[in-house]
Protein backbone atom coordinates (compact mmCIF):
# COMPACT_ATOMS: atom_id res chain seq x y z
CA MET A 1 -30.06 -10.77 9.77
CA ARG A 2 -27.41 -13.45 10.52
CA THR A 3 -26.70 -13.65 6.95
CA MET A 4 -26.20 -9.98 6.57
CA LYS A 5 -23.84 -9.80 9.42
CA ILE A 6 -21.83 -12.68 7.93
CA LEU A 7 -21.47 -10.88 4.71
CA SER A 8 -21.02 -7.52 6.19
CA ILE A 9 -17.86 -8.41 8.21
CA LEU A 10 -15.85 -9.72 5.35
CA THR A 11 -17.10 -7.61 2.41
CA LYS A 12 -14.73 -5.03 3.78
CA GLY A 13 -11.82 -7.08 2.74
CA LEU A 14 -13.10 -10.15 1.02
CA VAL A 15 -16.38 -9.18 -0.76
CA ALA A 16 -15.87 -11.83 -3.43
CA THR A 17 -15.32 -14.79 -1.15
CA VAL A 18 -17.96 -14.07 1.30
CA SER A 19 -20.73 -13.39 -1.21
CA LEU A 20 -20.22 -16.83 -2.43
CA ALA A 21 -20.19 -18.09 1.14
CA VAL A 22 -23.47 -16.34 1.93
CA LEU A 23 -25.12 -17.85 -1.03
CA ALA A 24 -24.04 -21.20 0.21
CA VAL A 25 -25.72 -20.98 3.54
CA THR A 26 -29.01 -19.74 2.26
CA ALA A 27 -31.44 -22.28 0.92
CA THR A 28 -32.52 -20.15 -2.03
CA GLY A 29 -28.97 -19.42 -2.98
CA TRP A 30 -27.60 -22.98 -2.97
CA TRP A 31 -28.09 -23.67 -6.66
CA THR A 32 -26.54 -20.35 -7.59
CA TYR A 33 -23.67 -20.88 -5.16
CA ARG A 34 -22.91 -24.37 -6.77
CA THR A 35 -23.10 -22.89 -10.34
CA ALA A 36 -20.65 -20.04 -9.32
CA THR A 37 -18.08 -22.33 -7.59
CA THR A 38 -18.03 -24.78 -10.35
CA ASN A 39 -16.86 -21.92 -12.60
CA LEU A 40 -14.66 -20.25 -10.03
CA ALA A 41 -10.92 -20.03 -10.63
CA THR A 42 -8.74 -21.81 -8.10
CA ASP A 43 -5.01 -22.42 -7.55
CA ASP A 44 -2.99 -24.67 -5.20
CA VAL A 45 -1.03 -22.04 -3.29
CA ILE A 46 -1.24 -22.94 0.24
CA VAL A 47 0.79 -25.56 2.01
CA PRO A 48 -1.09 -26.19 5.18
CA ASP A 49 0.69 -26.17 8.58
CA THR A 50 4.22 -26.00 7.13
CA PRO A 51 6.51 -22.94 7.03
CA GLN A 52 6.54 -21.24 3.59
CA PRO A 53 9.95 -21.31 1.84
CA SER A 54 12.51 -18.76 3.10
CA THR A 55 16.23 -18.12 2.80
CA SER A 56 16.28 -15.23 5.21
CA GLY A 57 16.44 -17.35 8.46
CA ALA A 58 13.14 -15.78 9.63
CA PRO A 59 11.54 -17.43 12.57
CA THR A 60 8.58 -19.73 12.06
CA PRO A 61 5.61 -17.54 11.52
CA LEU A 62 3.33 -16.84 14.58
CA ARG A 63 0.37 -19.33 14.71
CA GLN A 64 -3.03 -18.54 16.20
CA PRO A 65 -5.39 -21.32 17.17
CA PRO A 66 -6.43 -23.20 14.06
CA GLN A 67 -10.03 -21.94 14.07
CA ASP A 68 -8.70 -18.36 13.49
CA THR A 69 -8.45 -17.48 9.76
CA THR A 70 -5.90 -15.32 8.06
CA ILE A 71 -6.51 -14.37 4.37
CA LEU A 72 -4.27 -12.54 1.92
CA LEU A 73 -6.41 -10.35 -0.32
CA VAL A 74 -4.47 -9.38 -3.57
CA GLY A 75 -5.35 -6.80 -6.19
CA MET A 76 -3.49 -7.65 -9.34
CA ASP A 77 -2.52 -5.18 -12.03
CA SER A 78 -3.22 -7.51 -14.72
CA ARG A 79 -4.90 -7.17 -18.07
CA THR A 80 -6.37 -10.69 -18.00
CA ASP A 81 -9.54 -12.36 -16.58
CA ALA A 82 -9.50 -14.90 -13.61
CA GLN A 83 -8.76 -17.69 -16.22
CA GLY A 84 -5.82 -15.73 -17.68
CA ASN A 85 -7.49 -14.72 -20.94
CA PRO A 86 -6.39 -11.39 -22.26
CA LEU A 87 -8.84 -8.53 -22.05
CA SER A 88 -10.16 -7.15 -25.35
CA PRO A 89 -8.69 -3.78 -26.64
CA GLU A 90 -12.17 -2.13 -25.83
CA LEU A 91 -12.01 -3.32 -22.19
CA ARG A 92 -8.41 -2.20 -21.63
CA ALA A 93 -9.39 1.20 -23.13
CA GLN A 94 -12.40 1.31 -20.77
CA LEU A 95 -10.40 0.38 -17.79
CA GLN A 96 -7.41 2.68 -18.79
CA ALA A 97 -5.34 -0.46 -18.54
CA GLY A 98 -2.84 0.28 -21.21
CA ASN A 99 -1.09 -2.59 -23.26
CA SER A 100 -2.37 -6.13 -23.39
CA THR A 101 0.50 -7.65 -21.18
CA GLY A 102 0.52 -4.96 -18.49
CA GLU A 103 2.27 -5.38 -15.19
CA GLN A 104 2.75 -8.57 -13.12
CA ASN A 105 3.01 -6.48 -10.06
CA THR A 106 0.57 -6.85 -7.06
CA ASP A 107 -0.91 -3.30 -6.54
CA THR A 108 -3.09 -4.08 -3.45
CA MET A 109 -2.07 -6.49 -0.59
CA ILE A 110 -4.27 -6.71 2.62
CA VAL A 111 -4.09 -9.38 5.21
CA ILE A 112 -7.53 -10.14 6.79
CA HIS A 113 -7.59 -11.79 10.17
CA VAL A 114 -10.84 -13.25 11.35
CA PRO A 115 -10.78 -14.51 14.94
CA ALA A 116 -12.90 -17.46 15.93
CA ASP A 117 -14.20 -15.64 18.91
CA PRO A 118 -16.89 -13.09 17.76
CA THR A 119 -16.18 -10.84 20.74
CA LYS A 120 -12.75 -10.13 19.36
CA LYS A 121 -12.08 -7.60 16.57
CA ALA A 122 -11.45 -8.82 13.01
CA TRP A 123 -8.83 -6.67 11.30
CA GLY A 124 -7.36 -5.85 7.98
CA LEU A 125 -3.76 -4.88 7.63
CA SER A 126 -2.52 -3.16 4.48
CA LEU A 127 0.94 -3.68 3.21
CA PRO A 128 1.97 -0.84 0.95
CA ARG A 129 3.11 -2.18 -2.43
CA ASP A 130 6.56 -0.11 -2.28
CA SER A 131 7.51 -1.61 0.98
CA TYR A 132 11.27 -2.46 0.86
CA VAL A 133 11.46 -5.94 2.17
CA ASN A 134 13.33 -9.13 1.89
CA ILE A 135 11.69 -11.05 -0.86
CA ALA A 136 11.38 -14.92 -0.31
CA GLY A 137 13.02 -17.31 -2.71
CA GLY A 138 16.50 -15.70 -2.47
CA PHE A 139 15.75 -12.67 -4.42
CA GLY A 140 17.01 -10.21 -1.80
CA MET A 141 15.72 -6.72 -0.84
CA HIS A 142 13.25 -5.30 -3.26
CA LYS A 143 9.77 -3.73 -3.23
CA LEU A 144 7.04 -5.99 -1.96
CA ASN A 145 4.95 -5.70 -5.17
CA SER A 146 7.68 -7.51 -7.01
CA ALA A 147 7.53 -10.78 -5.02
CA TYR A 148 5.01 -12.35 -7.25
CA ALA A 149 6.64 -11.39 -10.55
CA ARG A 150 10.09 -12.37 -9.40
CA GLY A 151 8.87 -15.89 -8.26
CA LYS A 152 6.83 -16.32 -11.42
CA ASN A 153 9.58 -15.35 -13.78
CA ALA A 154 12.21 -17.56 -12.14
CA LYS A 155 9.78 -20.48 -12.43
CA ALA A 156 8.98 -19.74 -15.93
CA ASN A 157 12.59 -19.57 -17.03
CA GLN A 158 13.25 -22.84 -15.21
CA LEU A 159 10.34 -24.67 -16.98
CA ARG A 160 11.37 -23.22 -20.33
CA ASN A 161 14.91 -24.59 -19.78
CA GLN A 162 13.33 -27.97 -19.10
CA GLY A 163 11.32 -27.85 -22.34
CA ALA A 164 7.83 -27.38 -20.90
CA ASP A 165 5.09 -26.33 -23.11
CA GLN A 166 3.73 -22.82 -22.90
CA ALA A 167 0.53 -23.79 -21.11
CA THR A 168 2.54 -25.58 -18.48
CA VAL A 169 4.84 -22.63 -18.01
CA ASP A 170 1.89 -20.16 -17.67
CA ARG A 171 0.20 -22.46 -15.13
CA GLU A 172 3.00 -23.50 -12.88
CA SER A 173 4.86 -20.23 -12.85
CA THR A 174 1.72 -18.39 -11.90
CA THR A 175 1.37 -20.77 -8.96
CA ALA A 176 5.02 -20.14 -8.07
CA GLY A 177 4.56 -16.32 -8.08
CA ARG A 178 1.56 -16.45 -5.79
CA ARG A 179 3.42 -18.77 -3.34
CA ASN A 180 6.38 -16.47 -3.34
CA LEU A 181 4.25 -13.49 -2.37
CA ILE A 182 2.58 -15.49 0.40
CA ALA A 183 6.00 -16.65 1.57
CA THR A 184 7.31 -13.06 1.67
CA ILE A 185 4.36 -11.75 3.66
CA ASN A 186 4.51 -14.80 6.11
CA ASN A 187 8.13 -13.91 6.82
CA LEU A 188 7.46 -10.11 7.01
CA THR A 189 4.57 -10.26 9.40
CA GLY A 190 5.04 -13.45 11.29
CA LEU A 191 1.61 -14.59 10.47
CA HIS A 192 0.70 -17.72 8.51
CA ILE A 193 -1.57 -17.11 5.50
CA ASP A 194 -4.37 -19.67 5.50
CA HIS A 195 -6.29 -18.61 2.43
CA TYR A 196 -5.64 -16.59 -0.67
CA ALA A 197 -7.99 -14.42 -2.81
CA GLU A 198 -6.97 -12.40 -5.71
CA ILE A 199 -8.96 -10.09 -7.98
CA ASN A 200 -7.92 -8.33 -11.25
CA LEU A 201 -8.80 -4.84 -12.64
CA LEU A 202 -11.85 -6.10 -14.68
CA GLY A 203 -13.20 -7.92 -11.62
CA PHE A 204 -12.86 -4.99 -9.32
CA SER A 205 -14.90 -2.79 -11.76
CA GLU A 206 -17.60 -5.23 -12.30
CA ILE A 207 -18.11 -6.09 -8.67
CA THR A 208 -18.63 -2.32 -7.88
CA ASN A 209 -21.16 -2.23 -10.75
CA ALA A 210 -23.00 -5.38 -9.49
CA VAL A 211 -23.54 -3.83 -5.96
CA GLY A 212 -24.76 -0.44 -7.32
CA GLY A 213 -21.74 1.60 -6.41
CA VAL A 214 -19.73 2.24 -3.30
CA PRO A 215 -19.99 5.42 -1.01
CA VAL A 216 -16.71 7.15 -0.38
CA CYS A 217 -15.69 10.56 0.92
CA LEU A 218 -12.89 12.88 0.05
CA ASN A 219 -11.45 15.79 2.11
CA GLU A 220 -10.49 17.73 -0.93
CA PRO A 221 -11.34 17.58 -4.72
CA VAL A 222 -8.85 15.65 -6.81
CA ARG A 223 -7.76 15.68 -10.27
CA ASP A 224 -4.95 13.11 -11.55
CA SER A 225 -4.04 12.52 -15.14
CA TYR A 226 -2.16 9.33 -14.38
CA SER A 227 -5.03 7.49 -12.89
CA GLY A 228 -7.82 9.64 -14.41
CA ALA A 229 -9.26 10.35 -11.01
CA ASN A 230 -11.34 13.54 -11.22
CA PHE A 231 -13.73 13.80 -8.16
CA PRO A 232 -15.11 16.68 -6.08
CA ALA A 233 -14.84 16.88 -2.22
CA GLY A 234 -17.31 15.23 0.01
CA GLN A 235 -19.44 12.17 -0.19
CA GLN A 236 -20.18 10.42 -3.42
CA THR A 237 -20.89 6.99 -4.76
CA LEU A 238 -18.49 5.42 -7.27
CA GLN A 239 -18.75 2.33 -9.47
CA GLY A 240 -16.98 0.61 -12.36
CA VAL A 241 -14.09 2.66 -13.91
CA ASP A 242 -14.50 5.60 -11.48
CA ALA A 243 -14.20 3.22 -8.51
CA LEU A 244 -10.95 1.86 -10.03
CA LYS A 245 -9.55 5.43 -10.44
CA PHE A 246 -10.32 6.22 -7.00
CA VAL A 247 -8.37 3.29 -5.39
CA ARG A 248 -5.51 3.44 -7.94
CA GLN A 249 -4.50 7.11 -7.55
CA ARG A 250 -1.24 7.94 -5.95
CA HIS A 251 0.23 10.74 -7.92
CA GLY A 252 -0.74 14.11 -6.40
CA LEU A 253 -1.25 12.73 -2.95
CA THR A 254 0.96 13.93 -0.24
CA ASN A 255 2.20 10.50 1.04
CA GLY A 256 2.01 8.77 -2.34
CA ASP A 257 1.51 4.99 -1.84
CA LEU A 258 0.55 5.40 1.82
CA ASP A 259 -2.35 7.71 1.07
CA ARG A 260 -3.54 5.36 -1.67
CA VAL A 261 -3.60 2.62 0.98
CA ARG A 262 -5.86 4.81 2.91
CA ARG A 263 -8.12 5.20 0.04
CA GLN A 264 -8.28 1.48 -0.42
CA GLN A 265 -9.24 0.92 3.24
CA ALA A 266 -11.93 3.64 3.04
CA PHE A 267 -13.27 2.06 -0.15
CA LEU A 268 -13.59 -1.35 1.67
CA ALA A 269 -15.29 0.19 4.57
CA GLY A 270 -17.78 1.94 2.20
CA LEU A 271 -18.36 -1.36 0.31
CA ALA A 272 -19.17 -3.19 3.71
CA ASN A 273 -21.61 -0.39 4.42
CA ARG A 274 -23.25 -0.67 1.01
CA MET A 275 -23.65 -4.41 1.41
CA PHE A 276 -25.05 -4.28 4.86
CA SER A 277 -27.44 -1.28 4.62
CA ALA A 278 -28.65 -1.01 1.03
CA GLY A 279 -30.63 -4.31 0.76
CA THR A 280 -27.95 -5.92 -1.54
CA LEU A 281 -28.50 -9.27 -0.09
CA THR A 282 -32.23 -9.24 -0.59
CA ASP A 283 -32.13 -8.10 -4.27
CA PRO A 284 -32.03 -11.20 -6.44
CA ALA A 285 -30.97 -9.13 -9.45
CA LYS A 286 -27.92 -7.68 -7.69
CA ILE A 287 -26.95 -11.13 -6.22
CA THR A 288 -27.02 -12.59 -9.73
CA ASP A 289 -24.93 -9.75 -11.10
CA LEU A 290 -22.45 -10.12 -8.26
CA VAL A 291 -22.04 -13.84 -8.69
CA ASN A 292 -21.62 -13.42 -12.55
CA ALA A 293 -18.76 -10.90 -11.68
CA LEU A 294 -17.13 -12.94 -9.20
CA THR A 295 -16.84 -16.07 -11.52
CA LYS A 296 -14.74 -14.19 -13.94
CA ALA A 297 -12.85 -12.01 -11.60
CA VAL A 298 -11.59 -14.00 -8.61
CA VAL A 299 -8.98 -16.67 -7.97
CA LEU A 300 -9.14 -18.47 -4.66
CA ASP A 301 -6.83 -21.12 -3.11
CA LYS A 302 -7.79 -24.50 -3.95
CA GLY A 303 -9.94 -26.40 -1.41
CA TRP A 304 -11.25 -23.39 0.63
CA ASP A 305 -14.56 -24.48 2.17
CA LEU A 306 -16.58 -21.35 1.92
CA VAL A 307 -19.61 -22.80 3.62
CA SER A 308 -17.65 -23.74 6.79
CA PHE A 309 -15.82 -20.38 6.64
CA ALA A 310 -19.24 -18.41 6.48
CA GLN A 311 -20.56 -20.48 9.46
CA GLN A 312 -17.33 -19.63 11.42
CA LEU A 313 -17.98 -15.88 11.07
CA GLY A 314 -20.95 -16.23 13.54
CA ASP A 315 -22.25 -12.95 14.94
CA LEU A 316 -19.35 -10.69 13.99
CA SER A 317 -20.69 -7.20 13.17
CA ALA A 318 -19.70 -4.51 10.84
CA GLY A 319 -18.61 -2.22 13.66
CA ASN A 320 -16.05 -4.89 14.92
CA ILE A 321 -13.38 -4.76 12.29
CA GLN A 322 -10.81 -2.13 11.61
CA PHE A 323 -8.13 -1.49 9.03
CA GLN A 324 -4.64 -0.59 9.75
CA THR A 325 -1.35 -0.28 7.83
CA ILE A 326 2.08 -1.83 8.75
CA PRO A 327 4.37 0.69 10.52
CA THR A 328 6.73 2.46 7.98
CA GLY A 329 9.54 4.78 8.01
CA ARG A 330 10.67 7.01 5.13
CA ILE A 331 8.49 7.10 2.10
CA ASN A 332 11.45 8.03 -0.29
CA LEU A 333 14.02 5.43 0.68
CA ALA A 334 16.70 5.46 -1.86
CA THR A 335 17.38 1.82 -3.03
CA PRO A 336 20.23 0.32 -5.16
CA SER A 337 18.06 -0.93 -8.05
CA ASP A 338 14.41 -0.22 -7.21
CA GLY A 339 14.31 3.49 -7.12
CA SER A 340 12.41 5.25 -4.33
CA ALA A 341 10.71 2.86 -1.83
CA VAL A 342 8.84 2.80 1.45
CA GLU A 343 11.09 2.03 4.56
CA VAL A 344 9.99 -0.90 6.65
CA ASN A 345 11.51 -2.36 9.75
CA PRO A 346 10.50 -6.04 10.00
CA GLY A 347 10.95 -6.24 13.81
CA GLN A 348 8.53 -3.45 14.09
CA VAL A 349 5.98 -5.06 11.71
CA ARG A 350 6.08 -8.34 13.76
CA ASP A 351 5.74 -6.32 17.13
CA PHE A 352 2.72 -4.53 15.51
CA VAL A 353 1.02 -7.61 14.27
CA GLN A 354 1.46 -9.39 17.64
CA ASP A 355 -0.34 -6.48 19.18
CA LEU A 356 -3.17 -6.88 16.86
CA LEU A 357 -3.33 -10.47 17.77
CA ASP A 358 -2.90 -9.73 21.51
CA PRO A 359 -4.90 -6.47 21.93
CA PRO A 360 -4.48 -4.26 24.99
CA VAL A 361 -7.71 -5.56 26.73
CA GLN A 362 -6.13 -8.93 26.74
CA GLN A 363 -2.74 -7.58 27.91
CA GLN A 364 -4.51 -5.69 30.88
CA GLN A 365 -5.96 -9.12 32.10
CA GLN A 366 -2.69 -10.74 31.78
CA GLN A 367 -1.16 -8.02 33.89
CA GLN A 368 -3.74 -8.66 36.56
CA ASP A 369 -2.94 -12.31 36.43
CA ASN A 370 0.72 -11.69 36.52
CA PRO A 371 1.73 -8.27 38.05
CA ASP A 372 5.44 -8.65 37.31
CA SER A 373 4.58 -8.36 33.66
CA THR A 374 3.03 -5.00 33.94
CA LYS A 375 6.11 -2.94 33.13
CA ILE A 376 7.13 -5.16 30.21
CA GLN A 377 3.53 -4.89 28.65
CA ALA A 378 3.43 -1.10 29.20
CA GLN A 379 6.72 -0.69 27.43
CA LYS A 380 5.62 -3.02 24.56
CA GLN A 381 2.34 -0.99 24.13
CA GLU A 382 4.30 2.32 24.18
CA ARG A 383 6.57 1.01 21.46
CA VAL A 384 3.82 -0.25 19.27
CA GLN A 385 2.07 3.02 19.59
CA LYS A 386 5.09 4.92 18.44
CA ILE A 387 5.58 2.75 15.29
CA ALA A 388 1.98 2.58 14.17
CA SER A 389 1.78 4.49 10.84
CA VAL A 390 -1.78 6.15 10.99
CA GLU A 391 -5.01 5.87 13.05
CA PRO A 392 -7.13 2.73 12.08
CA ILE A 393 -10.21 2.93 9.96
CA ASN A 394 -13.29 1.42 11.56
CA ALA A 395 -15.46 -0.19 9.12
CA GLY A 396 -18.64 0.88 10.89
CA ALA A 397 -18.48 4.22 9.18
CA ILE A 398 -17.44 5.91 5.85
CA PRO A 399 -14.36 7.93 6.65
CA CYS A 400 -13.18 10.95 4.56
CA VAL A 401 -9.77 10.64 3.22
CA ASP A 402 -7.35 12.62 1.13
């Protein structure tokens, strides 16, 4: 039961990582875990306990006690596997992934915060890909999903000018792109990213196949020629390419990218439900399929101790996590060079994140200890409630979304 609780809490936002961690702490799974981690792709993208590079003058990111863990989960719109090998034409056609190079943009970005205290809520915070923000590295204001590509391309050009071979260019520029994305999110949210997990289109599809599909629910039927999404209203179970279509759709949705973010959150909640209640962890065949999918689908930061991380999770339960989205303004903000974007106020984002780190229950206790702070805390809570984008999705259920 403890193992199932451990997997349940993070499969909502980090199914790949925690699946390996669970294997690591079960005797029967140790050999499978060692085999999987030997083949797992990693990258040296985290600089511990130092501010990430910034030219914006942003203050040092907020730091919680070291035992708290903050993870950046990234879904890449790439046409390669975790080792950077191009997908075959057959696989690209199956995934409706277009040409072999594809985009270098990050389609999905979710910050997962896991507190050391199991009585506190864990949370996932989505950052819409079209958020108009200051990109780290001196690139100025652009859409958030370009931070990776801008950092990568700049480093690649620098290395080519220095005469580096193509393998070096590919490897070091990819690391630079990931670091630039992390730095941008650190500056925007005030958090410090402790760990990084990246998954590509192929990996997402194969993981959903490995767990036997994910339950989702739609308020209305949808049909979208861009993503290929064609689903009826109501509850249904999706896997493989259909699951990919579900989380990628944004055309035809009232709020575009923001509605897609809600889809992704609902999907992760359904994935957690599937892992927790459908006997996935007691099915050796599903575990084997899942591990096989992970080793060719996921990139983690170098040096992440998954065993310690799994043990840290303790008794956190599926119902003790929620998904939210950073506060946003206009969804059709006109920009000088990036077309229409999502308006974001960095100050509001940092206030919102601080409220997640210091929830109202804690604030009430602080008010009792210091009555003079009551008015200030009330004003802060009112402000945060006003800037919240949408109601949170609780991972203890399978919500219906547009």
